[in-house]
Amino acid sequence: QAILPNLTARAYSISSCGKTHPEYVDLCIRQ
């Protein structure tokens, strides 16, 4: 509890374009 840092968020490259699809975002995930 004292030693471990909090769980960090995981980063994923976006696989869509905000200019053409601002209403959603796509991700490509390998399990």
PDB file of all heavy atoms in Angstrom:
ATOM      1  N   GLN A   1       0.830  -1.195   0.000  1.00  0.00           N
ATOM      2  CA  GLN A   1       0.000   0.000   0.000  1.00  0.00           C
ATOM      3  C   GLN A   1       0.871   1.254   0.000  1.00  0.00           C
ATOM      4  O   GLN A   1       0.565   2.241  -0.672  1.00  0.00           O
ATOM      5  CB  GLN A   1      -0.908   0.011   1.238  1.00  0.00           C
ATOM      6  CG  GLN A   1      -2.171  -0.799   1.070  1.00  0.00           C
ATOM      7  CD  GLN A   1      -3.268  -0.005   0.374  1.00  0.00           C
ATOM      8  OE1 GLN A   1      -3.312   0.066  -0.827  1.00  0.00           O
ATOM      9  NE2 GLN A   1      -4.144   0.587   1.148  1.00  0.00           N
ATOM     10  N   ALA A   2       1.944   1.220   0.743  1.00  0.00           N
ATOM     11  CA  ALA A   2       2.817   2.385   0.883  1.00  0.00           C
ATOM     12  C   ALA A   2       3.783   2.528  -0.293  1.00  0.00           C
ATOM     13  O   ALA A   2       4.144   3.643  -0.681  1.00  0.00           O
ATOM     14  CB  ALA A   2       3.603   2.292   2.192  1.00  0.00           C
ATOM     15  N   ILE A   3       4.180   1.412  -0.875  1.00  0.00           N
ATOM     16  CA  ILE A   3       5.233   1.429  -1.898  1.00  0.00           C
ATOM     17  C   ILE A   3       4.690   1.640  -3.305  1.00  0.00           C
ATOM     18  O   ILE A   3       5.249   2.417  -4.092  1.00  0.00           O
ATOM     19  CB  ILE A   3       6.032   0.099  -1.851  1.00  0.00           C
ATOM     20  CG1 ILE A   3       6.834   0.007  -0.561  1.00  0.00           C
ATOM     21  CG2 ILE A   3       6.953  -0.028  -3.064  1.00  0.00           C
ATOM     22  CD1 ILE A   3       7.462  -1.352  -0.343  1.00  0.00           C
ATOM     23  N   LEU A   4       3.604   0.965  -3.623  1.00  0.00           N
ATOM     24  CA  LEU A   4       3.134   0.930  -5.009  1.00  0.00           C
ATOM     25  C   LEU A   4       2.483   2.248  -5.427  1.00  0.00           C
ATOM     26  O   LEU A   4       1.679   2.815  -4.683  1.00  0.00           O
ATOM     27  CB  LEU A   4       2.134  -0.208  -5.201  1.00  0.00           C
ATOM     28  CG  LEU A   4       2.658  -1.627  -4.997  1.00  0.00           C
ATOM     29  CD1 LEU A   4       1.513  -2.623  -5.137  1.00  0.00           C
ATOM     30  CD2 LEU A   4       3.760  -1.938  -5.998  1.00  0.00           C
ATOM     31  N   PRO A   5       2.793   2.731  -6.629  1.00  0.00           N
ATOM     32  CA  PRO A   5       2.095   3.913  -7.149  1.00  0.00           C
ATOM     33  C   PRO A   5       0.692   3.535  -7.601  1.00  0.00           C
ATOM     34  O   PRO A   5       0.375   2.352  -7.771  1.00  0.00           O
ATOM     35  CB  PRO A   5       2.962   4.331  -8.340  1.00  0.00           C
ATOM     36  CG  PRO A   5       3.587   3.056  -8.814  1.00  0.00           C
ATOM     37  CD  PRO A   5       3.815   2.234  -7.560  1.00  0.00           C
ATOM     38  N   ASN A   6      -0.137   4.531  -7.796  1.00  0.00           N
ATOM     39  CA  ASN A   6      -1.479   4.281  -8.304  1.00  0.00           C
ATOM     40  C   ASN A   6      -1.421   3.792  -9.744  1.00  0.00           C
ATOM     41  O   ASN A   6      -0.482   4.110 -10.494  1.00  0.00           O
ATOM     42  CB  ASN A   6      -2.330   5.543  -8.218  1.00  0.00           C
ATOM     43  CG  ASN A   6      -2.635   5.940  -6.788  1.00  0.00           C
ATOM     44  OD1 ASN A   6      -2.688   5.090  -5.898  1.00  0.00           O
ATOM     45  ND2 ASN A   6      -2.812   7.224  -6.547  1.00  0.00           N
ATOM     46  N   LEU A   7      -2.410   3.035 -10.121  1.00  0.00           N
ATOM     47  CA  LEU A   7      -2.488   2.481 -11.474  1.00  0.00           C
ATOM     48  C   LEU A   7      -2.556   3.615 -12.503  1.00  0.00           C
ATOM     49  O   LEU A   7      -3.382   4.523 -12.385  1.00  0.00           O
ATOM     50  CB  LEU A   7      -3.731   1.600 -11.592  1.00  0.00           C
ATOM     51  CG  LEU A   7      -3.980   0.888 -12.926  1.00  0.00           C
ATOM     52  CD1 LEU A   7      -2.859  -0.100 -13.221  1.00  0.00           C
ATOM     53  CD2 LEU A   7      -5.321   0.169 -12.881  1.00  0.00           C
ATOM     54  N   THR A   8      -1.672   3.591 -13.481  1.00  0.00           N
ATOM     55  CA  THR A   8      -1.641   4.647 -14.490  1.00  0.00           C
ATOM     56  C   THR A   8      -2.552   4.297 -15.663  1.00  0.00           C
ATOM     57  O   THR A   8      -2.752   3.124 -15.985  1.00  0.00           O
ATOM     58  CB  THR A   8      -0.213   4.850 -15.027  1.00  0.00           C
ATOM     59  OG1 THR A   8       0.285   3.606 -15.547  1.00  0.00           O
ATOM     60  CG2 THR A   8       0.715   5.321 -13.926  1.00  0.00           C
ATOM     61  N   ALA A   9      -3.098   5.339 -16.282  1.00  0.00           N
ATOM     62  CA  ALA A   9      -3.939   5.144 -17.467  1.00  0.00           C
ATOM     63  C   ALA A   9      -3.075   4.662 -18.625  1.00  0.00           C
ATOM     64  O   ALA A   9      -1.904   5.046 -18.743  1.00  0.00           O
ATOM     65  CB  ALA A   9      -4.642   6.445 -17.823  1.00  0.00           C
ATOM     66  N   ARG A  10      -3.643   3.828 -19.492  1.00  0.00           N
ATOM     67  CA  ARG A  10      -2.922   3.277 -20.636  1.00  0.00           C
ATOM     68  C   ARG A  10      -3.239   4.082 -21.895  1.00  0.00           C
ATOM     69  O   ARG A  10      -4.398   4.407 -22.158  1.00  0.00           O
ATOM     70  CB  ARG A  10      -3.303   1.823 -20.862  1.00  0.00           C
ATOM     71  CG  ARG A  10      -2.771   0.745 -19.929  1.00  0.00           C
ATOM     72  CD  ARG A  10      -1.807   1.129 -18.886  1.00  0.00           C
ATOM     73  NE  ARG A  10      -1.227  -0.038 -18.215  1.00  0.00           N
ATOM     74  CZ  ARG A  10      -0.829  -0.057 -16.958  1.00  0.00           C
ATOM     75  NH1 ARG A  10      -0.949   1.033 -16.216  1.00  0.00           N
ATOM     76  NH2 ARG A  10      -0.298  -1.139 -16.423  1.00  0.00           N
ATOM     77  N   ALA A  11      -2.199   4.391 -22.658  1.00  0.00           N
ATOM     78  CA  ALA A  11      -2.348   5.235 -23.854  1.00  0.00           C
ATOM     79  C   ALA A  11      -2.524   4.378 -25.105  1.00  0.00           C
ATOM     80  O   ALA A  11      -1.852   3.349 -25.272  1.00  0.00           O
ATOM     81  CB  ALA A  11      -1.127   6.130 -24.020  1.00  0.00           C
ATOM     82  N   TYR A  12      -3.421   4.830 -25.984  1.00  0.00           N
ATOM     83  CA  TYR A  12      -3.651   4.172 -27.274  1.00  0.00           C
ATOM     84  C   TYR A  12      -3.680   5.230 -28.375  1.00  0.00           C
ATOM     85  O   TYR A  12      -4.295   6.289 -28.214  1.00  0.00           O
ATOM     86  CB  TYR A  12      -4.977   3.400 -27.270  1.00  0.00           C
ATOM     87  CG  TYR A  12      -4.949   2.180 -26.387  1.00  0.00           C
ATOM     88  CD1 TYR A  12      -5.351   2.247 -25.058  1.00  0.00           C
ATOM     89  CD2 TYR A  12      -4.503   0.957 -26.872  1.00  0.00           C
ATOM     90  CE1 TYR A  12      -5.322   1.138 -24.240  1.00  0.00           C
ATOM     91  CE2 TYR A  12      -4.466  -0.168 -26.058  1.00  0.00           C
ATOM     92  CZ  TYR A  12      -4.876  -0.078 -24.744  1.00  0.00           C
ATOM     93  OH  TYR A  12      -4.831  -1.188 -23.933  1.00  0.00           O
ATOM     94  N   SER A  13      -3.019   4.920 -29.486  1.00  0.00           N
ATOM     95  CA  SER A  13      -3.055   5.820 -30.636  1.00  0.00           C
ATOM     96  C   SER A  13      -4.454   5.825 -31.234  1.00  0.00           C
ATOM     97  O   SER A  13      -5.076   4.781 -31.395  1.00  0.00           O
ATOM     98  CB  SER A  13      -2.045   5.366 -31.702  1.00  0.00           C
ATOM     99  OG  SER A  13      -0.729   5.407 -31.193  1.00  0.00           O
ATOM    100  N   ILE A  14      -4.934   7.010 -31.552  1.00  0.00           N
ATOM    101  CA  ILE A  14      -6.270   7.144 -32.138  1.00  0.00           C
ATOM    102  C   ILE A  14      -6.229   6.723 -33.602  1.00  0.00           C
ATOM    103  O   ILE A  14      -5.323   7.087 -34.337  1.00  0.00           O
ATOM    104  CB  ILE A  14      -6.758   8.600 -32.005  1.00  0.00           C
ATOM    105  CG1 ILE A  14      -7.007   8.923 -30.529  1.00  0.00           C
ATOM    106  CG2 ILE A  14      -8.017   8.839 -32.820  1.00  0.00           C
ATOM    107  CD1 ILE A  14      -7.345  10.375 -30.266  1.00  0.00           C
ATOM    108  N   SER A  15      -7.234   5.952 -34.025  1.00  0.00           N
ATOM    109  CA  SER A  15      -7.279   5.486 -35.413  1.00  0.00           C
ATOM    110  C   SER A  15      -8.438   6.122 -36.176  1.00  0.00           C
ATOM    111  O   SER A  15      -9.091   5.469 -36.984  1.00  0.00           O
ATOM    112  CB  SER A  15      -7.385   3.957 -35.457  1.00  0.00           C
ATOM    113  OG  SER A  15      -8.515   3.502 -34.743  1.00  0.00           O
ATOM    114  N   SER A  16      -8.705   7.388 -35.885  1.00  0.00           N
ATOM    115  CA  SER A  16      -9.721   8.141 -36.622  1.00  0.00           C
ATOM    116  C   SER A  16      -9.285   9.592 -36.685  1.00  0.00           C
ATOM    117  O   SER A  16      -8.281   9.977 -36.088  1.00  0.00           O
ATOM    118  CB  SER A  16     -11.098   8.008 -35.948  1.00  0.00           C
ATOM    119  OG  SER A  16     -11.038   8.383 -34.587  1.00  0.00           O
ATOM    120  N   CYS A  17     -10.055  10.398 -37.398  1.00  0.00           N
ATOM    121  CA  CYS A  17      -9.710  11.804 -37.604  1.00  0.00           C
ATOM    122  C   CYS A  17     -10.783  12.693 -36.997  1.00  0.00           C
ATOM    123  O   CYS A  17     -11.959  12.590 -37.355  1.00  0.00           O
ATOM    124  CB  CYS A  17      -9.549  12.089 -39.101  1.00  0.00           C
ATOM    125  SG  CYS A  17      -9.342  13.839 -39.495  1.00  0.00           S
ATOM    126  N   GLY A  18     -10.382  13.562 -36.095  1.00  0.00           N
ATOM    127  CA  GLY A  18     -11.332  14.431 -35.430  1.00  0.00           C
ATOM    128  C   GLY A  18     -11.973  15.451 -36.347  1.00  0.00           C
ATOM    129  O   GLY A  18     -13.083  15.918 -36.079  1.00  0.00           O
ATOM    130  N   LYS A  19     -11.288  15.799 -37.431  1.00  0.00           N
ATOM    131  CA  LYS A  19     -11.857  16.779 -38.360  1.00  0.00           C
ATOM    132  C   LYS A  19     -13.039  16.194 -39.128  1.00  0.00           C
ATOM    133  O   LYS A  19     -14.002  16.895 -39.436  1.00  0.00           O
ATOM    134  CB  LYS A  19     -10.780  17.257 -39.339  1.00  0.00           C
ATOM    135  CG  LYS A  19      -9.720  18.140 -38.702  1.00  0.00           C
ATOM    136  CD  LYS A  19      -8.748  18.659 -39.740  1.00  0.00           C
ATOM    137  CE  LYS A  19      -7.710  19.584 -39.103  1.00  0.00           C
ATOM    138  NZ  LYS A  19      -6.745  20.098 -40.098  1.00  0.00           N
ATOM    139  N   THR A  20     -12.968  14.921 -39.452  1.00  0.00           N
ATOM    140  CA  THR A  20     -14.039  14.281 -40.213  1.00  0.00           C
ATOM    141  C   THR A  20     -15.042  13.559 -39.325  1.00  0.00           C
ATOM    142  O   THR A  20     -16.190  13.368 -39.707  1.00  0.00           O
ATOM    143  CB  THR A  20     -13.450  13.283 -41.231  1.00  0.00           C
ATOM    144  OG1 THR A  20     -12.624  12.333 -40.533  1.00  0.00           O
ATOM    145  CG2 THR A  20     -12.599  14.008 -42.267  1.00  0.00           C
ATOM    146  N   HIS A  21     -14.607  13.140 -38.136  1.00  0.00           N
ATOM    147  CA  HIS A  21     -15.498  12.394 -37.229  1.00  0.00           C
ATOM    148  C   HIS A  21     -15.354  12.908 -35.799  1.00  0.00           C
ATOM    149  O   HIS A  21     -14.887  12.181 -34.909  1.00  0.00           O
ATOM    150  CB  HIS A  21     -15.187  10.894 -37.282  1.00  0.00           C
ATOM    151  CG  HIS A  21     -15.270  10.300 -38.653  1.00  0.00           C
ATOM    152  ND1 HIS A  21     -16.465  10.203 -39.341  1.00  0.00           N
ATOM    153  CD2 HIS A  21     -14.314   9.796 -39.467  1.00  0.00           C
ATOM    154  CE1 HIS A  21     -16.237   9.640 -40.531  1.00  0.00           C
ATOM    155  NE2 HIS A  21     -14.948   9.390 -40.626  1.00  0.00           N
ATOM    156  N   PRO A  22     -15.751  14.146 -35.539  1.00  0.00           N
ATOM    157  CA  PRO A  22     -15.577  14.706 -34.191  1.00  0.00           C
ATOM    158  C   PRO A  22     -16.480  14.076 -33.142  1.00  0.00           C
ATOM    159  O   PRO A  22     -16.232  14.215 -31.941  1.00  0.00           O
ATOM    160  CB  PRO A  22     -15.929  16.186 -34.384  1.00  0.00           C
ATOM    161  CG  PRO A  22     -16.874  16.196 -35.550  1.00  0.00           C
ATOM    162  CD  PRO A  22     -16.395  15.100 -36.455  1.00  0.00           C
ATOM    163  N   GLU A  23     -17.527  13.378 -33.578  1.00  0.00           N
ATOM    164  CA  GLU A  23     -18.504  12.857 -32.622  1.00  0.00           C
ATOM    165  C   GLU A  23     -18.092  11.524 -31.997  1.00  0.00           C
ATOM    166  O   GLU A  23     -18.726  11.051 -31.060  1.00  0.00           O
ATOM    167  CB  GLU A  23     -19.868  12.700 -33.298  1.00  0.00           C
ATOM    168  CG  GLU A  23     -19.963  11.566 -34.320  1.00  0.00           C
ATOM    169  CD  GLU A  23     -19.381  11.903 -35.693  1.00  0.00           C
ATOM    170  OE1 GLU A  23     -18.753  12.973 -35.839  1.00  0.00           O
ATOM    171  OE2 GLU A  23     -19.578  11.093 -36.625  1.00  0.00           O
ATOM    172  N   TYR A  24     -17.036  10.906 -32.522  1.00  0.00           N
ATOM    173  CA  TYR A  24     -16.557   9.656 -31.929  1.00  0.00           C
ATOM    174  C   TYR A  24     -15.056   9.537 -32.129  1.00  0.00           C
ATOM    175  O   TYR A  24     -14.436  10.312 -32.860  1.00  0.00           O
ATOM    176  CB  TYR A  24     -17.276   8.437 -32.527  1.00  0.00           C
ATOM    177  CG  TYR A  24     -17.046   8.204 -34.007  1.00  0.00           C
ATOM    178  CD1 TYR A  24     -15.861   7.650 -34.483  1.00  0.00           C
ATOM    179  CD2 TYR A  24     -18.041   8.513 -34.940  1.00  0.00           C
ATOM    180  CE1 TYR A  24     -15.656   7.419 -35.836  1.00  0.00           C
ATOM    181  CE2 TYR A  24     -17.848   8.296 -36.295  1.00  0.00           C
ATOM    182  CZ  TYR A  24     -16.646   7.742 -36.734  1.00  0.00           C
ATOM    183  OH  TYR A  24     -16.443   7.530 -38.079  1.00  0.00           O
ATOM    184  N   VAL A  25     -14.477   8.547 -31.465  1.00  0.00           N
ATOM    185  CA  VAL A  25     -13.056   8.265 -31.600  1.00  0.00           C
ATOM    186  C   VAL A  25     -12.875   6.761 -31.737  1.00  0.00           C
ATOM    187  O   VAL A  25     -13.563   5.975 -31.080  1.00  0.00           O
ATOM    188  CB  VAL A  25     -12.262   8.815 -30.387  1.00  0.00           C
ATOM    189  CG1 VAL A  25     -12.680   8.128 -29.104  1.00  0.00           C
ATOM    190  CG2 VAL A  25     -10.757   8.677 -30.613  1.00  0.00           C
ATOM    191  N   ASP A  26     -11.983   6.354 -32.634  1.00  0.00           N
ATOM    192  CA  ASP A  26     -11.718   4.934 -32.868  1.00  0.00           C
ATOM    193  C   ASP A  26     -10.362   4.540 -32.282  1.00  0.00           C
ATOM    194  O   ASP A  26      -9.398   5.314 -32.331  1.00  0.00           O
ATOM    195  CB  ASP A  26     -11.711   4.626 -34.366  1.00  0.00           C
ATOM    196  CG  ASP A  26     -13.096   4.694 -34.985  1.00  0.00           C
ATOM    197  OD1 ASP A  26     -14.080   4.625 -34.235  1.00  0.00           O
ATOM    198  OD2 ASP A  26     -13.192   4.840 -36.228  1.00  0.00           O
ATOM    199  N   LEU A  27     -10.291   3.331 -31.763  1.00  0.00           N
ATOM    200  CA  LEU A  27      -9.050   2.766 -31.253  1.00  0.00           C
ATOM    201  C   LEU A  27      -8.828   1.397 -31.863  1.00  0.00           C
ATOM    202  O   LEU A  27      -9.787   0.703 -32.220  1.00  0.00           O
ATOM    203  CB  LEU A  27      -9.089   2.636 -29.727  1.00  0.00           C
ATOM    204  CG  LEU A  27      -9.365   3.897 -28.904  1.00  0.00           C
ATOM    205  CD1 LEU A  27      -9.400   3.546 -27.425  1.00  0.00           C
ATOM    206  CD2 LEU A  27      -8.326   4.962 -29.187  1.00  0.00           C
ATOM    207  N   CYS A  28      -7.569   1.018 -31.978  1.00  0.00           N
ATOM    208  CA  CYS A  28      -7.200  -0.317 -32.445  1.00  0.00           C
ATOM    209  C   CYS A  28      -6.466  -1.003 -31.295  1.00  0.00           C
ATOM    210  O   CYS A  28      -5.373  -0.579 -30.910  1.00  0.00           O
ATOM    211  CB  CYS A  28      -6.314  -0.207 -33.692  1.00  0.00           C
ATOM    212  SG  CYS A  28      -5.827  -1.794 -34.400  1.00  0.00           S
ATOM    213  N   ILE A  29      -7.069  -2.060 -30.758  1.00  0.00           N
ATOM    214  CA  ILE A  29      -6.594  -2.676 -29.520  1.00  0.00           C
ATOM    215  C   ILE A  29      -6.171  -4.123 -29.765  1.00  0.00           C
ATOM    216  O   ILE A  29      -6.955  -4.919 -30.277  1.00  0.00           O
ATOM    217  CB  ILE A  29      -7.695  -2.673 -28.442  1.00  0.00           C
ATOM    218  CG1 ILE A  29      -8.321  -1.286 -28.295  1.00  0.00           C
ATOM    219  CG2 ILE A  29      -7.157  -3.198 -27.122  1.00  0.00           C
ATOM    220  CD1 ILE A  29      -7.424  -0.250 -27.741  1.00  0.00           C
ATOM    221  N   ARG A  30      -4.956  -4.445 -29.398  1.00  0.00           N
ATOM    222  CA  ARG A  30      -4.550  -5.859 -29.387  1.00  0.00           C
ATOM    223  C   ARG A  30      -4.620  -6.358 -27.949  1.00  0.00           C
ATOM    224  O   ARG A  30      -4.009  -5.762 -27.049  1.00  0.00           O
ATOM    225  CB  ARG A  30      -3.132  -6.048 -29.919  1.00  0.00           C
ATOM    226  CG  ARG A  30      -2.743  -7.538 -30.042  1.00  0.00           C
ATOM    227  CD  ARG A  30      -1.286  -7.739 -30.422  1.00  0.00           C
ATOM    228  NE  ARG A  30      -0.966  -7.126 -31.685  1.00  0.00           N
ATOM    229  CZ  ARG A  30      -1.170  -7.678 -32.882  1.00  0.00           C
ATOM    230  NH1 ARG A  30      -1.744  -8.877 -32.948  1.00  0.00           N
ATOM    231  NH2 ARG A  30      -0.835  -7.056 -33.996  1.00  0.00           N
ATOM    232  N   GLN A  31      -5.354  -7.442 -27.733  1.00  0.00           N
ATOM    233  CA  GLN A  31      -5.456  -7.986 -26.384  1.00  0.00           C
ATOM    234  C   GLN A  31      -4.154  -8.699 -26.025  1.00  0.00           C
ATOM    235  O   GLN A  31      -3.765  -9.681 -26.658  1.00  0.00           O
ATOM    236  CB  GLN A  31      -6.618  -8.962 -26.258  1.00  0.00           C
ATOM    237  CG  GLN A  31      -6.763  -9.509 -24.848  1.00  0.00           C
ATOM    238  CD  GLN A  31      -7.966 -10.414 -24.679  1.00  0.00           C
ATOM    239  OE1 GLN A  31      -8.804 -10.519 -25.561  1.00  0.00           O
ATOM    240  NE2 GLN A  31      -8.045 -11.075 -23.526  1.00  0.00           N
TER     241      GLN A  31
END
